[in-house]
Amino acid sequence: MAKSGKDLPPERIAEAKAQRARELQAIIDRLTGELARLDSQLAVTDDQNERIMIKAEIVHFTMALQQLTRGPGPGRRKPPEAGIAVPAIPPRGPLPKQGGAAAPLEFDS
């Protein structure tokens, strides 16, 4: 039977965390190198379509790098009023519908 992460000894857990940190740092280094390569390629390119494609790649890699370096935790914060409870029906009853008078119901036509 395979051991779960909670059953492992502390030194194995620390080793696994260190390995993940090294892997993450390698990815960050690779993205940083790609960004430097794209910046130098952008500086020497005169073709407008090629420049647009390179700029799009730069934005993509920059966003990926920001997401990796942000670290764990919530990516987006909720507004302060998100936790306020709101009743489904107002305390004085439902609001009247907007519009004119009710249409007469004639079933004898």
Protein backbone atom coordinates (compact mmCIF):
# COMPACT_ATOMS: atom_id res chain seq x y z
CA MET A 1 0.00 0.00 0.00
CA ALA A 2 1.37 3.43 -0.95
CA LYS A 3 1.89 5.97 1.74
CA SER A 4 -0.04 9.20 1.55
CA GLY A 5 1.65 12.56 2.01
CA LYS A 6 0.61 12.72 5.65
CA ASP A 7 2.19 9.36 6.47
CA LEU A 8 5.66 10.29 5.18
CA PRO A 9 8.47 11.15 7.58
CA PRO A 10 9.27 14.85 7.93
CA GLU A 11 12.60 14.59 6.10
CA ARG A 12 10.87 13.07 3.04
CA ILE A 13 8.27 15.85 3.05
CA ALA A 14 11.03 18.47 3.27
CA GLU A 15 12.89 16.75 0.41
CA ALA A 16 9.76 16.74 -1.77
CA LYS A 17 9.15 20.45 -1.05
CA ALA A 18 12.76 21.28 -1.91
CA GLN A 19 12.47 19.33 -5.18
CA ARG A 20 9.31 21.24 -6.14
CA ALA A 21 11.03 24.54 -5.31
CA ARG A 22 13.97 23.61 -7.57
CA GLU A 23 11.59 22.65 -10.38
CA LEU A 24 9.67 25.92 -10.02
CA GLN A 25 12.90 27.92 -10.05
CA ALA A 26 13.99 26.11 -13.24
CA ILE A 27 10.69 27.06 -14.90
CA ILE A 28 11.06 30.68 -13.79
CA ASP A 29 14.63 30.77 -15.12
CA ARG A 30 13.48 29.32 -18.45
CA LEU A 31 10.69 31.90 -18.79
CA THR A 32 13.09 34.72 -17.92
CA GLY A 33 15.52 33.50 -20.58
CA GLU A 34 12.73 33.30 -23.17
CA LEU A 35 11.66 36.85 -22.32
CA ALA A 36 15.23 38.11 -22.79
CA ARG A 37 15.47 36.27 -26.13
CA LEU A 38 12.15 37.73 -27.31
CA ASP A 39 13.20 41.25 -26.26
CA SER A 40 16.39 40.99 -28.30
CA GLN A 41 14.49 39.51 -31.25
CA LEU A 42 11.97 42.38 -31.05
CA ALA A 43 14.80 44.93 -31.17
CA VAL A 44 16.16 43.63 -34.48
CA THR A 45 12.87 42.83 -36.28
CA ASP A 46 11.45 45.36 -38.73
CA ASP A 47 8.45 43.36 -40.02
CA GLN A 48 5.30 44.73 -38.36
CA ASN A 49 3.45 41.38 -38.30
CA GLU A 50 6.46 39.67 -36.72
CA ARG A 51 6.69 42.44 -34.10
CA ILE A 52 3.01 41.94 -33.20
CA MET A 53 3.53 38.21 -32.75
CA ILE A 54 6.63 38.75 -30.60
CA LYS A 55 4.84 41.31 -28.42
CA ALA A 56 1.96 38.86 -27.91
CA GLU A 57 4.41 36.17 -26.81
CA ILE A 58 6.10 38.63 -24.44
CA VAL A 59 2.75 39.45 -22.83
CA HIS A 60 1.91 35.74 -22.54
CA PHE A 61 5.24 34.86 -20.91
CA THR A 62 5.09 37.90 -18.61
CA MET A 63 1.65 36.92 -17.35
CA ALA A 64 2.78 33.32 -16.79
CA LEU A 65 5.84 34.55 -14.90
CA GLN A 66 3.72 36.84 -12.71
CA GLN A 67 1.37 33.98 -11.91
CA LEU A 68 4.29 31.73 -10.92
CA THR A 69 6.01 34.34 -8.76
CA ARG A 70 2.78 35.41 -7.04
CA GLY A 71 2.93 32.28 -4.93
CA PRO A 72 0.18 30.27 -3.28
CA GLY A 73 -3.01 31.81 -2.07
CA PRO A 74 -6.09 33.36 -3.60
CA GLY A 75 -5.45 34.88 -6.99
CA ARG A 76 -8.26 37.38 -6.78
CA ARG A 77 -9.63 39.14 -3.74
CA LYS A 78 -13.33 39.52 -3.13
CA PRO A 79 -14.78 43.02 -2.63
CA PRO A 80 -15.50 44.00 0.99
CA GLU A 81 -19.27 43.81 0.53
CA ALA A 82 -19.12 40.21 -0.70
CA GLY A 83 -19.75 38.78 2.77
CA ILE A 84 -22.85 40.84 3.57
CA ALA A 85 -26.05 38.79 3.74
CA VAL A 86 -28.94 40.12 1.66
CA PRO A 87 -32.48 38.77 2.11
CA ALA A 88 -34.11 37.31 -0.99
CA ILE A 89 -37.37 39.18 -0.33
CA PRO A 90 -37.32 42.65 1.26
CA PRO A 91 -38.73 42.73 4.84
CA ARG A 92 -41.83 44.71 3.79
CA GLY A 93 -42.75 42.23 1.08
CA PRO A 94 -41.99 42.09 -2.63
CA LEU A 95 -41.82 45.32 -4.59
CA PRO A 96 -44.69 46.08 -6.99
CA LYS A 97 -44.06 45.45 -10.65
CA GLN A 98 -43.51 48.45 -12.86
CA GLY A 99 -45.99 49.32 -15.58
CA GLY A 100 -49.55 50.51 -16.10
CA ALA A 101 -52.85 49.17 -14.85
CA ALA A 102 -53.56 45.48 -15.08
CA ALA A 103 -55.20 44.36 -18.31
CA PRO A 104 -58.82 43.32 -17.92
CA LEU A 105 -59.41 39.62 -18.12
CA GLU A 106 -62.31 38.79 -20.46
CA PHE A 107 -63.12 35.15 -20.92
CA ASP A 108 -66.58 35.64 -22.55
CA SER A 109 -65.54 36.76 -26.03
